[in-house]
C-alpha atoms as a PDB file:
ATOM      1  CA  MET A   1     -33.796  38.655   1.696  1.00  0.00           C
ATOM      2  CA  ARG A   2     -32.851  36.768   4.851  1.00  0.00           C
ATOM      3  CA  SER A   3     -32.839  33.434   3.033  1.00  0.00           C
ATOM      4  CA  THR A   4     -30.641  34.872   0.284  1.00  0.00           C
ATOM      5  CA  LEU A   5     -28.177  36.161   2.890  1.00  0.00           C
ATOM      6  CA  GLY A   6     -28.161  32.776   4.637  1.00  0.00           C
ATOM      7  CA  MET A   7     -27.548  30.958   1.367  1.00  0.00           C
ATOM      8  CA  GLY A   8     -24.727  33.408   0.573  1.00  0.00           C
ATOM      9  CA  ILE A   9     -23.078  32.718   3.930  1.00  0.00           C
ATOM     10  CA  LEU A  10     -23.374  28.946   3.410  1.00  0.00           C
ATOM     11  CA  LEU A  11     -21.995  29.256  -0.113  1.00  0.00           C
ATOM     12  CA  ALA A  12     -19.014  31.295   1.129  1.00  0.00           C
ATOM     13  CA  ALA A  13     -18.365  28.700   3.848  1.00  0.00           C
ATOM     14  CA  ALA A  14     -18.492  25.908   1.287  1.00  0.00           C
ATOM     15  CA  LEU A  15     -15.985  27.627  -0.959  1.00  0.00           C
ATOM     16  CA  ALA A  16     -13.676  28.384   1.967  1.00  0.00           C
ATOM     17  CA  ALA A  17     -13.850  24.829   3.363  1.00  0.00           C
ATOM     18  CA  PRO A  18     -10.591  22.918   3.022  1.00  0.00           C
ATOM     19  CA  ALA A  19     -10.545  20.218   0.403  1.00  0.00           C
ATOM     20  CA  ALA A  20     -10.524  16.616   1.511  1.00  0.00           C
ATOM     21  CA  LYS A  21      -7.235  15.300   0.158  1.00  0.00           C
ATOM     22  CA  ALA A  22      -7.825  11.549   0.385  1.00  0.00           C
ATOM     23  CA  ASP A  23      -7.424   9.751  -2.916  1.00  0.00           C
ATOM     24  CA  SER A  24      -7.234   6.181  -4.114  1.00  0.00           C
ATOM     25  CA  LEU A  25      -4.411   5.312  -6.475  1.00  0.00           C
ATOM     26  CA  PHE A  26      -4.563   2.132  -8.532  1.00  0.00           C
ATOM     27  CA  ILE A  27      -1.121   0.982  -9.680  1.00  0.00           C
ATOM     28  CA  THR A  28      -0.102  -1.997 -11.772  1.00  0.00           C
ATOM     29  CA  TYR A  29       3.508  -2.894 -12.453  1.00  0.00           C
ATOM     30  CA  THR A  30       6.048  -5.546 -13.302  1.00  0.00           C
ATOM     31  CA  ASP A  31       9.627  -5.606 -12.103  1.00  0.00           C
ATOM     32  CA  ALA A  32      12.997  -6.873 -13.296  1.00  0.00           C
ATOM     33  CA  PHE A  33      12.379 -10.212 -11.529  1.00  0.00           C
ATOM     34  CA  SER A  34       9.128 -10.854 -13.475  1.00  0.00           C
ATOM     35  CA  ASN A  35       6.985 -10.071 -10.431  1.00  0.00           C
ATOM     36  CA  SER A  36       3.672  -8.357 -11.058  1.00  0.00           C
ATOM     37  CA  ALA A  37       1.591  -6.230  -8.746  1.00  0.00           C
ATOM     38  CA  SER A  38      -1.817  -4.648  -8.764  1.00  0.00           C
ATOM     39  CA  LEU A  39      -2.046  -2.267  -5.808  1.00  0.00           C
ATOM     40  CA  THR A  40      -4.621   0.110  -4.388  1.00  0.00           C
ATOM     41  CA  LEU A  41      -3.142   2.892  -2.307  1.00  0.00           C
ATOM     42  CA  GLY A  42      -5.076   5.040   0.107  1.00  0.00           C
ATOM     43  CA  ALA A  43      -3.159   8.292   0.047  1.00  0.00           C
ATOM     44  CA  THR A  44      -3.218  12.021   0.600  1.00  0.00           C
ATOM     45  CA  LEU A  45      -1.553  14.504  -1.726  1.00  0.00           C
ATOM     46  CA  ASP A  46       1.505  16.043  -0.093  1.00  0.00           C
ATOM     47  CA  VAL A  47       2.799  19.566  -0.692  1.00  0.00           C
ATOM     48  CA  ASN A  48       5.929  18.172  -2.367  1.00  0.00           C
ATOM     49  CA  GLY A  49       3.897  16.535  -5.155  1.00  0.00           C
ATOM     50  CA  GLY A  50       4.019  13.009  -3.773  1.00  0.00           C
ATOM     51  CA  TYR A  51       1.254  11.038  -2.127  1.00  0.00           C
ATOM     52  CA  ASP A  52       1.511  10.057   1.537  1.00  0.00           C
ATOM     53  CA  VAL A  53       0.514   6.391   1.522  1.00  0.00           C
ATOM     54  CA  THR A  54      -1.850   5.454   4.353  1.00  0.00           C
ATOM     55  CA  SER A  55      -3.002   2.020   3.163  1.00  0.00           C
ATOM     56  CA  VAL A  56      -1.913  -0.620   0.659  1.00  0.00           C
ATOM     57  CA  THR A  57      -4.107  -3.464  -0.569  1.00  0.00           C
ATOM     58  CA  GLY A  58      -4.126  -5.560  -3.712  1.00  0.00           C
ATOM     59  CA  PHE A  59      -2.028  -8.403  -5.071  1.00  0.00           C
ATOM     60  CA  PHE A  60       1.638  -9.219  -5.642  1.00  0.00           C
ATOM     61  CA  ASN A  61       2.143 -12.299  -7.840  1.00  0.00           C
ATOM     62  CA  GLY A  62      -1.438 -13.246  -7.030  1.00  0.00           C
ATOM     63  CA  SER A  63      -0.970 -13.061  -3.248  1.00  0.00           C
ATOM     64  CA  PRO A  64      -2.922 -10.488  -1.233  1.00  0.00           C
ATOM     65  CA  VAL A  65      -0.868  -7.651   0.244  1.00  0.00           C
ATOM     66  CA  THR A  66      -1.159  -5.426   3.300  1.00  0.00           C
ATOM     67  CA  GLY A  67       0.580  -2.219   4.172  1.00  0.00           C
ATOM     68  CA  PRO A  68       2.180   0.071   4.525  1.00  0.00           C
ATOM     69  CA  VAL A  69       4.529  -1.842   6.797  1.00  0.00           C
ATOM     70  CA  PHE A  70       6.393   0.270   9.326  1.00  0.00           C
ATOM     71  CA  GLY A  71       9.634  -0.532  11.085  1.00  0.00           C
ATOM     72  CA  SER A  72      10.815  -2.946   8.418  1.00  0.00           C
ATOM     73  CA  SER A  73      14.395  -3.900   7.705  1.00  0.00           C
ATOM     74  CA  PHE A  74      14.442  -1.143   5.056  1.00  0.00           C
ATOM     75  CA  GLY A  75      14.866   1.399   7.819  1.00  0.00           C
ATOM     76  CA  VAL A  76      12.856   4.598   7.802  1.00  0.00           C
ATOM     77  CA  THR A  77      10.618   4.911   4.736  1.00  0.00           C
ATOM     78  CA  SER A  78       9.000   8.091   3.470  1.00  0.00           C
ATOM     79  CA  ASN A  79       5.701   6.235   2.855  1.00  0.00           C
ATOM     80  CA  GLU A  80       5.348   8.303  -0.304  1.00  0.00           C
ATOM     81  CA  PHE A  81       4.487   7.460  -3.876  1.00  0.00           C
ATOM     82  CA  TYR A  82       5.266   9.806  -6.767  1.00  0.00           C
ATOM     83  CA  THR A  83       3.156   9.526  -9.908  1.00  0.00           C
ATOM     84  CA  ASP A  84       5.997  11.336 -11.682  1.00  0.00           C
ATOM     85  CA  PRO A  85       9.430  10.561 -10.216  1.00  0.00           C
ATOM     86  CA  SER A  86      11.020  13.315 -12.326  1.00  0.00           C
ATOM     87  CA  ILE A  87       9.691  15.842  -9.771  1.00  0.00           C
ATOM     88  CA  LEU A  88      12.217  14.477  -7.279  1.00  0.00           C
ATOM     89  CA  PRO A  89      15.347  16.594  -7.018  1.00  0.00           C
ATOM     90  CA  ALA A  90      18.291  15.356  -9.087  1.00  0.00           C
ATOM     91  CA  GLN A  91      20.355  12.588  -7.494  1.00  0.00           C
ATOM     92  CA  THR A  92      17.461  11.590  -5.211  1.00  0.00           C
ATOM     93  CA  ILE A  93      16.327   8.127  -4.267  1.00  0.00           C
ATOM     94  CA  ASP A  94      13.091   8.275  -2.288  1.00  0.00           C
ATOM     95  CA  SER A  95      12.543   5.386   0.123  1.00  0.00           C
ATOM     96  CA  GLY A  96       8.925   4.843  -0.961  1.00  0.00           C
ATOM     97  CA  PHE A  97       6.567   2.526   0.902  1.00  0.00           C
ATOM     98  CA  VAL A  98       6.760  -1.080   2.060  1.00  0.00           C
ATOM     99  CA  PHE A  99       4.053  -3.718   1.744  1.00  0.00           C
ATOM    100  CA  ASP A 100       3.747  -7.326   2.831  1.00  0.00           C
ATOM    101  CA  PRO A 101       2.732  -9.997   0.286  1.00  0.00           C
ATOM    102  CA  GLY A 102       3.135 -12.748   2.900  1.00  0.00           C
ATOM    103  CA  GLY A 103       5.563 -15.614   2.816  1.00  0.00           C
ATOM    104  CA  GLY A 104       8.199 -13.822   4.905  1.00  0.00           C
ATOM    105  CA  THR A 105       9.190 -11.286   2.235  1.00  0.00           C
ATOM    106  CA  LEU A 106       8.604  -7.535   2.352  1.00  0.00           C
ATOM    107  CA  VAL A 107       8.535  -5.376  -0.782  1.00  0.00           C
ATOM    108  CA  ASP A 108       9.596  -1.728  -0.990  1.00  0.00           C
ATOM    109  CA  LEU A 109       8.323   0.217  -4.017  1.00  0.00           C
ATOM    110  CA  TYR A 110      10.382   3.376  -4.359  1.00  0.00           C
ATOM    111  CA  ALA A 111      11.041   6.203  -6.820  1.00  0.00           C
ATOM    112  CA  TYR A 112      14.277   7.755  -7.939  1.00  0.00           C
ATOM    113  CA  ASN A 113      15.666  10.557 -10.091  1.00  0.00           C
ATOM    114  CA  PHE A 114      19.291   9.552 -10.337  1.00  0.00           C
ATOM    115  CA  ASP A 115      21.751  10.676 -13.030  1.00  0.00           C
ATOM    116  CA  SER A 116      18.838  12.456 -14.779  1.00  0.00           C
ATOM    117  CA  VAL A 117      16.956   9.166 -15.169  1.00  0.00           C
ATOM    118  CA  PRO A 118      13.672   9.068 -13.214  1.00  0.00           C
ATOM    119  CA  GLY A 119      11.988   5.764 -12.482  1.00  0.00           C
ATOM    120  CA  TYR A 120      10.811   3.181  -9.997  1.00  0.00           C
ATOM    121  CA  ALA A 121      12.347   0.109  -8.383  1.00  0.00           C
ATOM    122  CA  THR A 122      11.535  -2.586  -5.867  1.00  0.00           C
ATOM    123  CA  ALA A 123      13.722  -3.857  -3.065  1.00  0.00           C
ATOM    124  CA  PHE A 124      13.069  -7.096  -1.226  1.00  0.00           C
ATOM    125  CA  SER A 125      13.729  -7.997   2.369  1.00  0.00           C
ATOM    126  CA  PRO A 126      15.367 -10.123   3.659  1.00  0.00           C
ATOM    127  CA  SER A 127      17.220 -10.897   0.387  1.00  0.00           C
ATOM    128  CA  GLY A 128      18.275  -7.300  -0.330  1.00  0.00           C
ATOM    129  CA  GLN A 129      17.608  -7.696  -4.071  1.00  0.00           C
ATOM    130  CA  SER A 130      16.583  -4.586  -5.935  1.00  0.00           C
ATOM    131  CA  GLY A 131      15.451  -4.117  -9.520  1.00  0.00           C
ATOM    132  CA  ALA A 132      13.782  -1.763 -11.954  1.00  0.00           C
ATOM    133  CA  VAL A 133       9.998  -1.486 -12.092  1.00  0.00           C
ATOM    134  CA  THR A 134       7.862  -0.767 -15.143  1.00  0.00           C
ATOM    135  CA  ILE A 135       4.622   0.920 -14.101  1.00  0.00           C
ATOM    136  CA  THR A 136       1.954  -0.159 -16.580  1.00  0.00           C
ATOM    137  CA  SER A 137      -0.898   1.878 -15.129  1.00  0.00           C
ATOM    138  CA  ILE A 138      -1.550   4.617 -12.587  1.00  0.00           C
ATOM    139  CA  VAL A 139      -5.143   5.711 -12.059  1.00  0.00           C
ATOM    140  CA  ILE A 140      -5.992   8.360  -9.490  1.00  0.00           C
ATOM    141  CA  ASN A 141      -9.509   8.383  -8.099  1.00  0.00           C
ATOM    142  CA  PRO A 142      -9.843  11.665  -6.194  1.00  0.00           C
ATOM    143  CA  GLU A 143     -12.486  11.949  -3.537  1.00  0.00           C
ATOM    144  CA  PRO A 144     -14.799  14.948  -3.818  1.00  0.00           C
ATOM    145  CA  THR A 145     -13.777  18.055  -1.956  1.00  0.00           C
ATOM    146  CA  THR A 146     -15.666  19.178   1.098  1.00  0.00           C
ATOM    147  CA  GLY A 147     -16.673  22.344  -0.731  1.00  0.00           C
ATOM    148  CA  ALA A 148     -18.192  20.354  -3.599  1.00  0.00           C
ATOM    149  CA  LEU A 149     -20.160  18.231  -1.155  1.00  0.00           C
ATOM    150  CA  VAL A 150     -21.523  21.313   0.630  1.00  0.00           C
ATOM    151  CA  LEU A 151     -22.423  22.957  -2.693  1.00  0.00           C
ATOM    152  CA  GLY A 152     -24.275  19.814  -3.720  1.00  0.00           C
ATOM    153  CA  ALA A 153     -26.198  19.826  -0.450  1.00  0.00           C
ATOM    154  CA  LEU A 154     -27.065  23.499  -0.934  1.00  0.00           C
ATOM    155  CA  GLY A 155     -28.343  22.738  -4.425  1.00  0.00           C
ATOM    156  CA  LEU A 156     -30.573  19.990  -3.079  1.00  0.00           C
ATOM    157  CA  LEU A 157     -31.824  22.291  -0.331  1.00  0.00           C
ATOM    158  CA  ALA A 158     -32.638  25.024  -2.840  1.00  0.00           C
ATOM    159  CA  GLY A 159     -34.458  22.525  -5.052  1.00  0.00           C
ATOM    160  CA  TRP A 160     -36.557  21.221  -2.151  1.00  0.00           C
ATOM    161  CA  ARG A 161     -37.324  24.781  -1.104  1.00  0.00           C
ATOM    162  CA  LYS A 162     -38.586  25.693  -4.583  1.00  0.00           C
ATOM    163  CA  LEU A 163     -40.706  22.549  -4.655  1.00  0.00           C
ATOM    164  CA  ALA A 164     -42.210  23.418  -1.264  1.00  0.00           C
ATOM    165  CA  VAL A 165     -43.007  26.981  -2.405  1.00  0.00           C
ATOM    166  CA  ARG A 166     -44.730  25.692  -5.563  1.00  0.00           C
ATOM    167  CA  ARG A 167     -46.863  23.269  -3.583  1.00  0.00           C
ATOM    168  CA  GLY A 168     -47.903  26.091  -1.435  1.00  0.00           C
END
């Protein structure tokens, strides 16, 4: 009885545990200037439906990138990425996130929902050029929730316990 109560308490704690929100997003795109990018974003899901970008790695025109870059000439960025820019309020341009492909240029990938047309664009610093982006792939790799990890551990514990009881 005591072990059942203990397992019940652990199960309730596992279900009540907050979910780990860290995800990896894999994005590939081309832009209006014939640039291509393959990016991996470390991100956490935000309450507004976007992802707060915490890390950027990958390649831009074959060059390795780092990011997000803070304090760039783009001003204050939201450091967000939206997998669906249509969730932005109408007439909104979100400042997105900035990454560094080297060579003295910074790239800002941002989302917009302007004049009822949602989409993505890049802006370059220091040139100031901006152009449309065609996202060719977005893959989200969610990390397991804390509750799922605890439940898995409980399952292993229960299995070991049954094995120990059988062996006597």
